[in-house]
């Protein structure tokens, strides 16, 4: 076909294969809209076959010691690093993420395989002195087959990192890749086939209907982990509940506030606000600080500084190491971002920067939009309360701490928040009052291994990247020994 990456394959029962349907999904480069590869369009039959393979493989996998399972995950991590350049080039072409920042994704995925391998012996039960003459204790055991569904913004990182905890816990996995950026899933399939026993990890490409829906509804899948949008998370809860009682964790969207007090260092604030918007991913990050909340005394000063910095963000080929931002991931999402820009203008927000396709021949095709800054945003505007998941940052004004907290909490979301001040009392009282699962004080964007990352309210259920995630892939069994 002359495609850069040709036809890629899924992994079922240890074999790289096409879909039983024989149909394909074409993957387009978001930079120029050219087809760069194809993946199988999975069917319900493919999912059923993968779950059956995972169920069979789990009988042996759970009998292996946690140290043996951990050793295999460390081998898989080494394979990630050995093929890092190949993964990153494909991922940059397929997602539009800039390769300079994307370099961390492979290391993060490998690091989480090693992190959870090291936590394996912490899957402990407890003994309870319920009676004086007998033994009462609990043990942790795996669920069996786990379904994992990953999003388009960091497909390899999320796929590679989020098979770690289920596998260490003794589960086997059926993983669905995103239809918008599916190519790197085929590389993960190749590596899992090489390192892991057949059926321990199965990777299916395809659309939410039928692949995702069949996986969520399958009677043999009692544990599901999903990263993505709130509407899809709600749909997963509904669909799963129609077939069985299931343990579901959800890492969903955010409309994350960055609250800036007047005593903060404004140069550092501007640096953080730019970094926290994750322009290297075209703002397509659930943790982006998309609501920049400024005290009225510094409002116009920070806006002027932000305009200068946002105007200077360099858009370019995702494979160019000097590019600071690439295109939006796909056509449907591009149109959604443009719709938010039009809505903001109609609602009376002040356009400070961006809001249009950049100039230049290379930007006439593809899903390009300049990083966009709106001021005078209020919470009744769509860009004030809805997640864009794109390169749009809204600036809001506040007068006192109580008002700032009220504005920040006036949201269906509660994923991340940032508080910028040198006043310890203001920092801690604000952090304590925020209805969100992850708070930075004088920081943004960074995740810290071992601390739970997860949202409150409609931003999700459960904590990831920590011991809590590992334990969530186990079930407690109480055992009573009568002497």
Protein backbone atom coordinates (compact mmCIF):
# COMPACT_ATOMS: atom_id res chain seq x y z
CA UNK A 1 0.00 0.00 0.00
CA UNK A 2 3.00 2.28 0.29
CA UNK A 3 2.13 3.24 3.86
CA UNK A 4 4.90 4.17 6.30
CA UNK A 5 3.87 1.47 8.75
CA UNK A 6 1.80 -0.83 6.53
CA UNK A 7 -0.63 -3.29 8.08
CA UNK A 8 -0.20 -3.89 11.79
CA UNK A 9 -1.60 -6.78 13.84
CA UNK A 10 -3.38 -7.56 17.12
CA UNK A 11 -2.27 -10.08 19.76
CA UNK A 12 -4.60 -12.90 20.80
CA UNK A 13 -3.52 -16.08 22.60
CA UNK A 14 0.13 -15.38 21.85
CA UNK A 15 -0.40 -14.98 18.09
CA UNK A 16 -0.18 -11.78 16.03
CA UNK A 17 -3.32 -11.79 13.93
CA UNK A 18 -5.87 -9.93 11.86
CA UNK A 19 -9.48 -9.49 12.92
CA UNK A 20 -11.96 -12.26 12.15
CA UNK A 21 -13.96 -9.59 10.31
CA UNK A 22 -11.10 -8.96 7.87
CA UNK A 23 -11.78 -5.22 8.17
CA UNK A 24 -9.21 -2.50 8.85
CA UNK A 25 -8.96 0.95 10.46
CA UNK A 26 -6.79 3.47 8.65
CA UNK A 27 -4.66 5.67 10.88
CA UNK A 28 -4.16 9.22 9.64
CA UNK A 29 -1.28 11.51 10.53
CA UNK A 30 -2.89 14.51 12.27
CA UNK A 31 -0.12 16.70 10.82
CA UNK A 32 -1.08 16.20 7.16
CA UNK A 33 -4.10 13.85 7.09
CA UNK A 34 -2.20 11.18 5.16
CA UNK A 35 -2.81 7.50 5.91
CA UNK A 36 0.32 6.14 7.60
CA UNK A 37 -0.80 2.64 8.57
CA UNK A 38 -3.68 0.26 9.23
CA UNK A 39 -4.78 -1.86 12.18
CA UNK A 40 -7.42 -4.58 12.32
CA UNK A 41 -10.94 -3.44 13.08
CA UNK A 42 -11.67 -5.88 15.88
CA UNK A 43 -14.97 -7.67 16.30
CA UNK A 44 -16.94 -9.09 19.22
CA UNK A 45 -15.65 -12.52 18.19
CA UNK A 46 -12.06 -11.27 18.58
CA UNK A 47 -12.81 -10.01 22.08
CA UNK A 48 -14.46 -13.28 23.07
CA UNK A 49 -11.47 -15.22 21.78
CA UNK A 50 -9.05 -12.92 23.65
CA UNK A 51 -10.96 -13.23 26.93
CA UNK A 52 -11.04 -17.01 26.58
CA UNK A 53 -7.27 -17.03 25.99
CA UNK A 54 -6.67 -14.75 28.96
CA UNK A 55 -8.88 -16.88 31.20
CA UNK A 56 -6.96 -20.02 30.25
CA UNK A 57 -3.56 -18.37 30.65
CA UNK A 58 -4.46 -17.00 34.06
CA UNK A 59 -4.64 -20.52 35.52
CA UNK A 60 -0.86 -20.82 35.21
CA UNK A 61 0.01 -17.12 35.59
CA UNK A 62 -1.53 -16.85 39.08
CA UNK A 63 0.51 -19.88 40.22
CA UNK A 64 3.80 -18.18 39.42
CA UNK A 65 5.48 -16.42 42.32
CA UNK A 66 5.20 -12.66 42.49
CA UNK A 67 8.96 -12.53 41.96
CA UNK A 68 8.76 -14.55 38.75
CA UNK A 69 5.97 -12.34 37.45
CA UNK A 70 8.01 -9.27 38.43
CA UNK A 71 11.09 -10.57 36.64
CA UNK A 72 9.13 -10.92 33.40
CA UNK A 73 7.81 -7.39 33.74
CA UNK A 74 11.36 -6.12 34.18
CA UNK A 75 12.33 -7.92 30.95
CA UNK A 76 9.39 -6.22 29.23
CA UNK A 77 10.56 -2.84 30.57
CA UNK A 78 14.03 -3.49 29.12
CA UNK A 79 12.41 -4.29 25.77
CA UNK A 80 10.53 -0.97 25.87
CA UNK A 81 13.80 0.89 26.32
CA UNK A 82 15.58 -1.10 23.63
CA UNK A 83 12.92 -0.14 21.09
CA UNK A 84 12.33 3.40 22.37
CA UNK A 85 13.35 5.23 19.19
CA UNK A 86 11.03 3.08 17.08
CA UNK A 87 8.14 3.56 19.49
CA UNK A 88 8.59 7.33 19.72
CA UNK A 89 8.77 7.94 15.98
CA UNK A 90 5.59 5.95 15.39
CA UNK A 91 3.84 7.61 18.33
CA UNK A 92 4.76 11.13 17.19
CA UNK A 93 3.46 10.49 13.67
CA UNK A 94 0.29 8.83 14.92
CA UNK A 95 -0.69 11.17 17.77
CA UNK A 96 0.76 14.55 16.75
CA UNK A 97 2.57 14.82 20.11
CA UNK A 98 5.96 16.49 19.84
CA UNK A 99 8.82 14.02 19.96
CA UNK A 100 11.04 16.11 22.27
CA UNK A 101 8.60 15.76 25.19
CA UNK A 102 7.22 12.41 24.04
CA UNK A 103 10.58 10.84 24.85
CA UNK A 104 9.53 10.50 28.46
CA UNK A 105 6.55 8.28 27.67
CA UNK A 106 8.55 5.11 27.06
CA UNK A 107 10.61 5.66 30.19
CA UNK A 108 7.45 6.25 32.25
CA UNK A 109 5.84 3.06 30.96
CA UNK A 110 9.00 1.04 31.63
CA UNK A 111 9.37 2.65 35.04
CA UNK A 112 5.88 1.62 36.11
CA UNK A 113 6.53 -1.98 35.09
CA UNK A 114 9.58 -1.92 37.37
CA UNK A 115 7.80 0.00 40.13
CA UNK A 116 4.95 -2.50 40.42
CA UNK A 117 7.33 -5.44 40.07
CA UNK A 118 9.09 -4.07 43.15
CA UNK A 119 5.81 -3.68 45.05
CA UNK A 120 4.78 -7.30 44.46
CA UNK A 121 5.49 -8.52 48.00
CA UNK A 122 3.31 -5.74 49.46
CA UNK A 123 0.11 -7.53 48.44
CA UNK A 124 -0.45 -8.52 52.05
CA UNK A 125 -3.44 -9.69 53.98
CA UNK A 126 -3.81 -9.32 57.72
CA UNK A 127 -4.40 -11.43 60.80
CA UNK A 128 -7.27 -10.53 63.10
CA UNK A 129 -7.67 -11.66 66.77
CA UNK A 130 -11.39 -12.28 66.31
CA UNK A 131 -11.41 -15.20 68.77
CA UNK A 132 -8.82 -16.25 71.36
CA UNK A 133 -8.45 -19.90 70.27
CA UNK A 134 -8.50 -19.80 66.44
CA UNK A 135 -6.70 -18.18 63.50
CA UNK A 136 -8.47 -15.54 61.41
CA UNK A 137 -6.59 -14.02 58.49
CA UNK A 138 -7.04 -12.67 54.97
CA UNK A 139 -5.18 -13.17 51.70
CA UNK A 140 -5.23 -11.21 48.47
CA UNK A 141 -6.04 -13.01 45.24
CA UNK A 142 -6.39 -11.80 41.61
CA UNK A 143 -9.70 -11.15 39.88
CA UNK A 144 -8.81 -13.26 36.83
CA UNK A 145 -9.21 -11.42 33.51
CA UNK A 146 -8.84 -7.64 33.54
CA UNK A 147 -10.07 -5.30 30.79
CA UNK A 148 -8.02 -2.15 30.16
CA UNK A 149 -9.09 0.62 27.73
CA UNK A 150 -6.60 3.39 26.96
CA UNK A 151 -6.99 6.87 25.36
CA UNK A 152 -5.49 8.52 22.28
CA UNK A 153 -3.30 11.17 23.91
CA UNK A 154 -0.56 8.85 25.27
CA UNK A 155 -1.49 5.43 23.88
CA UNK A 156 1.80 3.61 24.40
CA UNK A 157 2.51 5.10 27.81
CA UNK A 158 -0.94 4.31 29.18
CA UNK A 159 -1.03 0.83 27.65
CA UNK A 160 2.46 -0.10 28.83
CA UNK A 161 2.12 1.40 32.31
CA UNK A 162 -1.39 0.15 33.05
CA UNK A 163 -0.81 -3.52 32.37
CA UNK A 164 1.77 -3.52 35.19
CA UNK A 165 -0.41 -3.65 38.31
CA UNK A 166 -2.90 -6.23 36.95
CA UNK A 167 -0.09 -8.56 35.84
CA UNK A 168 1.90 -8.33 39.07
CA UNK A 169 -1.29 -9.10 40.99
CA UNK A 170 -1.71 -12.35 39.03
CA UNK A 171 -4.38 -11.27 36.55
CA UNK A 172 -4.22 -11.58 32.78
CA UNK A 173 -5.19 -8.65 30.54
CA UNK A 174 -7.26 -7.87 27.47
CA UNK A 175 -6.34 -4.35 26.35
CA UNK A 176 -8.20 -2.20 23.83
CA UNK A 177 -6.16 0.40 21.96
CA UNK A 178 -7.64 3.78 20.86
CA UNK A 179 -9.02 3.82 17.33
CA UNK A 180 -7.71 7.38 16.79
CA UNK A 181 -4.00 6.54 17.42
CA UNK A 182 -3.74 2.74 17.36
CA UNK A 183 -0.39 2.01 15.75
CA UNK A 184 1.93 1.79 18.76
CA UNK A 185 -0.35 -0.85 20.25
CA UNK A 186 1.00 -3.21 17.61
CA UNK A 187 4.54 -2.65 18.88
CA UNK A 188 3.40 -3.42 22.41
CA UNK A 189 1.81 -6.59 21.02
CA UNK A 190 5.11 -7.67 19.49
CA UNK A 191 6.99 -7.10 22.73
CA UNK A 192 4.42 -8.87 24.90
CA UNK A 193 4.47 -11.83 22.50
CA UNK A 194 8.23 -12.01 22.83
CA UNK A 195 8.47 -11.74 26.64
CA UNK A 196 5.25 -13.02 28.21
CA UNK A 197 3.52 -16.42 28.11
CA UNK A 198 0.80 -16.75 25.47
CA UNK A 199 -2.53 -15.25 26.51
CA UNK A 200 -1.23 -13.29 29.49
CA UNK A 201 -1.63 -10.03 27.56
CA UNK A 202 -4.02 -9.77 24.60
CA UNK A 203 -4.25 -6.55 22.59
CA UNK A 204 -7.28 -5.71 20.45
CA UNK A 205 -7.63 -2.73 18.12
CA UNK A 206 -11.05 -1.49 17.06
CA UNK A 207 -13.92 0.85 17.77
CA UNK A 208 -15.75 1.28 21.06
CA UNK A 209 -18.64 -0.50 19.44
CA UNK A 210 -18.19 -3.44 19.27
CA UNK A 211 -14.75 -3.98 20.88
CA UNK A 212 -14.96 -1.80 23.98
CA UNK A 213 -18.58 -2.63 24.66
CA UNK A 214 -18.07 -6.39 24.29
CA UNK A 215 -15.06 -6.27 26.62
CA UNK A 216 -16.91 -4.26 29.27
CA UNK A 217 -19.97 -6.52 29.15
CA UNK A 218 -18.10 -9.84 29.06
CA UNK A 219 -19.19 -12.09 31.94
CA UNK A 220 -15.62 -13.30 32.54
CA UNK A 221 -14.19 -9.78 32.95
CA UNK A 222 -14.86 -8.66 36.52
CA UNK A 223 -12.22 -5.91 36.77
CA UNK A 224 -12.06 -2.97 34.33
CA UNK A 225 -9.72 0.01 34.19
CA UNK A 226 -10.48 2.94 31.87
CA UNK A 227 -8.76 6.22 31.06
CA UNK A 228 -10.72 8.67 28.91
CA UNK A 229 -13.76 10.94 28.79
CA UNK A 230 -16.60 11.28 31.28
CA UNK A 231 -19.33 10.24 28.78
CA UNK A 232 -17.45 7.04 27.95
CA UNK A 233 -16.81 6.38 31.63
CA UNK A 234 -20.53 6.68 32.34
CA UNK A 235 -21.32 4.37 29.42
CA UNK A 236 -18.86 1.79 30.78
CA UNK A 237 -20.55 1.86 34.18
CA UNK A 238 -23.97 1.38 32.62
CA UNK A 239 -22.92 -1.41 30.26
CA UNK A 240 -20.94 -3.31 32.89
CA UNK A 241 -23.82 -3.15 35.36
CA UNK A 242 -26.15 -4.85 32.87
CA UNK A 243 -24.15 -8.10 32.88
CA UNK A 244 -22.39 -8.56 36.23
CA UNK A 245 -21.13 -6.90 39.40
CA UNK A 246 -17.73 -5.50 38.42
CA UNK A 247 -14.94 -3.48 40.00
CA UNK A 248 -14.34 -0.45 37.78
CA UNK A 249 -11.77 2.32 38.12
CA UNK A 250 -12.02 5.43 35.98
CA UNK A 251 -9.45 8.16 35.30
CA UNK A 252 -11.51 10.77 33.49
CA UNK A 253 -11.47 14.44 32.57
CA UNK A 254 -10.68 17.65 34.35
CA UNK A 255 -11.29 21.40 34.29
CA UNK A 256 -8.35 22.10 36.52
CA UNK A 257 -7.84 25.42 38.31
CA UNK A 258 -4.48 27.11 38.83
CA UNK A 259 -5.15 29.64 41.59
CA UNK A 260 -2.59 32.47 41.74
CA UNK A 261 -2.32 34.69 44.82
CA UNK A 262 -0.90 38.22 44.47
CA UNK A 263 2.31 37.41 46.38
CA UNK A 264 3.44 34.73 43.91
CA UNK A 265 6.49 35.19 41.67
CA UNK A 266 4.77 36.15 38.41
CA UNK A 267 7.61 35.06 36.14
CA UNK A 268 7.42 31.58 37.66
CA UNK A 269 3.63 31.69 37.46
CA UNK A 270 3.71 32.32 33.72
CA UNK A 271 6.28 29.56 33.19
CA UNK A 272 4.09 27.17 35.16
CA UNK A 273 0.88 28.16 33.41
CA UNK A 274 2.49 27.44 30.03
CA UNK A 275 4.01 24.15 31.22
CA UNK A 276 0.79 23.14 32.94
CA UNK A 277 -1.22 23.46 29.73
CA UNK A 278 0.84 20.65 28.17
CA UNK A 279 1.17 22.28 24.76
CA UNK A 280 3.50 19.46 23.72
CA UNK A 281 0.31 17.36 23.65
CA UNK A 282 -1.71 20.25 22.11
CA UNK A 283 -3.32 20.65 25.54
CA UNK A 284 -4.76 17.14 25.27
CA UNK A 285 -4.10 16.15 28.85
CA UNK A 286 -6.68 15.52 31.57
CA UNK A 287 -4.44 17.23 34.14
CA UNK A 288 -3.88 20.48 32.22
CA UNK A 289 -4.44 23.68 34.22
CA UNK A 290 -7.06 24.95 31.78
CA UNK A 291 -8.56 27.46 34.26
CA UNK A 292 -5.95 30.09 35.16
CA UNK A 293 -7.45 31.92 38.13
CA UNK A 294 -5.76 35.25 38.87
CA UNK A 295 -6.23 37.66 41.75
CA UNK A 296 -7.64 40.94 40.50
CA UNK A 297 -4.52 42.89 41.52
CA UNK A 298 -2.28 40.91 39.13
CA UNK A 299 -4.89 40.08 36.48
CA UNK A 300 -3.91 42.32 33.55
CA UNK A 301 -0.17 42.05 34.29
CA UNK A 302 -0.23 38.25 34.03
CA UNK A 303 -2.46 38.33 30.94
CA UNK A 304 0.06 40.54 29.13
CA UNK A 305 2.91 38.21 30.06
CA UNK A 306 0.88 35.16 29.07
CA UNK A 307 0.07 36.63 25.66
CA UNK A 308 3.75 37.14 24.93
CA UNK A 309 4.59 33.56 25.88
CA UNK A 310 1.62 31.91 24.15
CA UNK A 311 2.30 33.84 20.94
CA UNK A 312 5.86 32.49 21.00
CA UNK A 313 4.93 28.78 21.23
CA UNK A 314 6.52 27.13 18.18
CA UNK A 315 4.22 24.89 16.17
CA UNK A 316 5.88 22.37 13.90
CA UNK A 317 6.31 18.85 12.63
CA UNK A 318 5.87 16.46 15.58
CA UNK A 319 9.14 14.79 14.55
CA UNK A 320 11.06 18.10 14.77
CA UNK A 321 12.87 18.18 18.15
CA UNK A 322 12.51 21.97 18.25
CA UNK A 323 8.70 21.92 17.86
CA UNK A 324 6.83 22.89 21.04
CA UNK A 325 3.35 21.92 19.82
CA UNK A 326 1.92 19.71 17.13
CA UNK A 327 -1.59 19.31 15.74
CA UNK A 328 -4.74 18.24 17.54
CA UNK A 329 -5.08 14.45 17.43
CA UNK A 330 -7.95 13.86 14.98
CA UNK A 331 -10.56 15.58 12.83
CA UNK A 332 -13.51 15.15 15.18
CA UNK A 333 -11.53 16.54 18.09
CA UNK A 334 -10.19 19.41 15.95
CA UNK A 335 -13.75 20.41 15.09
CA UNK A 336 -14.67 20.22 18.77
CA UNK A 337 -11.83 22.61 19.67
CA UNK A 338 -12.91 25.08 16.98
CA UNK A 339 -16.47 24.90 18.25
CA UNK A 340 -15.28 25.88 21.73
CA UNK A 341 -13.43 28.86 20.27
CA UNK A 342 -16.57 30.04 18.45
CA UNK A 343 -18.65 29.51 21.58
CA UNK A 344 -16.23 31.54 23.72
CA UNK A 345 -16.35 34.46 21.31
CA UNK A 346 -20.17 34.40 21.28
CA UNK A 347 -20.28 34.21 25.08
CA UNK A 348 -18.19 37.40 25.35
CA UNK A 349 -14.81 36.04 26.40
CA UNK A 350 -11.85 38.21 25.37
CA UNK A 351 -9.59 36.49 22.83
CA UNK A 352 -6.03 37.27 23.91
CA UNK A 353 -4.08 34.95 21.63
CA UNK A 354 -4.56 32.25 19.00
CA UNK A 355 -7.98 30.96 18.07
CA UNK A 356 -7.16 30.11 14.46
CA UNK A 357 -5.15 27.92 12.11
CA UNK A 358 -1.50 29.06 11.99
CA UNK A 359 -0.03 30.67 8.88
CA UNK A 360 2.29 28.72 6.57
CA UNK A 361 2.01 26.11 3.88
CA UNK A 362 2.65 23.15 6.18
CA UNK A 363 -0.35 24.09 8.34
CA UNK A 364 -2.95 24.16 5.56
CA UNK A 365 -3.59 20.43 5.88
CA UNK A 366 -3.92 18.61 9.15
CA UNK A 367 -5.57 19.49 12.44
CA UNK A 368 -3.65 22.59 13.41
CA UNK A 369 -4.84 25.34 15.72
CA UNK A 370 -2.76 27.96 17.47
CA UNK A 371 -2.55 27.80 21.26
CA UNK A 372 -5.45 29.92 22.44
CA UNK A 373 -5.91 32.18 25.44
CA UNK A 374 -9.24 33.68 26.53
CA UNK A 375 -9.58 36.27 29.31
CA UNK A 376 -12.66 37.57 31.16
CA UNK A 377 -14.04 34.04 31.33
CA UNK A 378 -16.87 33.29 33.73
CA UNK A 379 -18.17 29.95 34.94
CA UNK A 380 -21.43 30.24 32.98
CA UNK A 381 -19.47 30.11 29.70
CA UNK A 382 -18.80 26.74 28.07
CA UNK A 383 -15.03 27.32 28.23
CA UNK A 384 -15.46 28.13 31.91
CA UNK A 385 -16.98 24.81 32.95
CA UNK A 386 -16.62 22.24 30.12
CA UNK A 387 -13.44 20.29 29.44
CA UNK A 388 -11.99 21.22 26.04
CA UNK A 389 -9.10 18.73 26.12
CA UNK A 390 -7.23 20.96 23.73
CA UNK A 391 -4.96 24.03 23.54
CA UNK A 392 -7.39 26.53 25.08
CA UNK A 393 -6.70 28.16 28.44
CA UNK A 394 -9.36 30.23 30.18
CA UNK A 395 -8.43 33.12 32.51
CA UNK A 396 -10.75 33.98 35.40
CA UNK A 397 -10.59 36.77 38.02
CA UNK A 398 -11.13 36.51 41.78
CA UNK A 399 -11.10 38.96 44.72
CA UNK A 400 -10.63 36.96 47.93
CA UNK A 401 -9.70 33.45 48.97
CA UNK A 402 -13.28 32.32 49.61
CA UNK A 403 -14.33 33.42 46.13
CA UNK A 404 -11.34 31.64 44.55
CA UNK A 405 -12.22 28.39 46.32
CA UNK A 406 -15.88 28.72 45.36
CA UNK A 407 -15.03 29.26 41.69
CA UNK A 408 -12.57 26.39 41.68
CA UNK A 409 -15.07 23.98 43.24
CA UNK A 410 -17.95 25.09 41.01
CA UNK A 411 -17.29 22.20 38.60
CA UNK A 412 -18.41 18.66 37.93
CA UNK A 413 -14.70 17.79 37.78
CA UNK A 414 -12.14 17.31 40.53
CA UNK A 415 -8.94 15.90 39.06
CA UNK A 416 -6.05 18.32 39.66
CA UNK A 417 -5.51 21.82 41.00
CA UNK A 418 -2.55 24.12 41.55
CA UNK A 419 -2.15 26.81 44.22
CA UNK A 420 0.53 29.47 43.78
CA UNK A 421 1.48 31.55 46.82
CA UNK A 422 4.34 32.05 49.28
CA UNK A 423 1.87 32.25 52.18
CA UNK A 424 1.89 28.81 53.84
CA UNK A 425 -1.45 29.37 55.56
CA UNK A 426 -3.16 30.44 52.33
CA UNK A 427 -1.60 27.52 50.46
CA UNK A 428 -2.67 24.86 52.96
CA UNK A 429 -6.16 26.18 53.70
CA UNK A 430 -6.86 26.47 49.98
CA UNK A 431 -5.49 23.01 49.22
CA UNK A 432 -7.58 21.53 52.02
CA UNK A 433 -10.76 23.22 50.75
CA UNK A 434 -10.38 22.17 47.10
CA UNK A 435 -12.64 19.34 45.95
CA UNK A 436 -10.03 17.57 43.89
CA UNK A 437 -7.86 14.49 44.08
CA UNK A 438 -4.42 15.92 43.26
CA UNK A 439 -3.07 19.31 44.33
CA UNK A 440 0.22 21.02 43.55
CA UNK A 441 1.43 23.92 45.67
CA UNK A 442 3.75 26.09 43.57
CA UNK A 443 3.92 23.35 40.94
CA UNK A 444 2.07 21.90 37.96
CA UNK A 445 1.97 18.91 35.64
CA UNK A 446 4.30 16.52 37.47
CA UNK A 447 3.20 13.10 38.72
CA UNK A 448 5.05 11.65 41.69
CA UNK A 449 5.46 7.88 41.75
CA UNK A 450 3.90 6.24 44.78
CA UNK A 451 1.30 8.97 45.38
CA UNK A 452 -2.26 8.23 44.21
CA UNK A 453 -3.30 9.99 41.02
CA UNK A 454 -7.05 10.08 40.61
CA UNK A 455 -10.03 12.36 40.58
CA UNK A 456 -13.02 13.27 42.70
CA UNK A 457 -16.56 13.86 41.46
CA UNK A 458 -16.91 13.17 37.71
CA UNK A 459 -13.15 13.01 37.28
CA UNK A 460 -13.07 9.38 38.25
CA UNK A 461 -12.83 6.55 40.74
CA UNK A 462 -9.71 5.07 42.31
CA UNK A 463 -6.06 6.04 42.61
CA UNK A 464 -3.34 4.97 40.20
CA UNK A 465 0.49 5.03 40.19
CA UNK A 466 0.72 3.77 43.78
CA UNK A 467 0.21 0.77 46.06
CA UNK A 468 -3.53 1.45 46.01
CA UNK A 469 -3.59 0.67 42.28
CA UNK A 470 -1.86 -2.68 42.79
CA UNK A 471 -4.19 -3.69 45.62
CA UNK A 472 -7.22 -2.68 43.53
CA UNK A 473 -6.44 -5.58 41.20
CA UNK A 474 -6.83 -8.05 44.05
CA UNK A 475 -9.76 -9.42 46.03
CA UNK A 476 -9.72 -10.10 49.76
CA UNK A 477 -10.45 -13.61 50.99
CA UNK A 478 -10.96 -14.20 54.72
CA UNK A 479 -9.85 -17.61 56.08
CA UNK A 480 -10.82 -18.93 59.52
CA UNK A 481 -8.94 -21.84 61.07
CA UNK A 482 -10.78 -23.51 63.93
CA UNK A 483 -8.40 -25.31 66.30
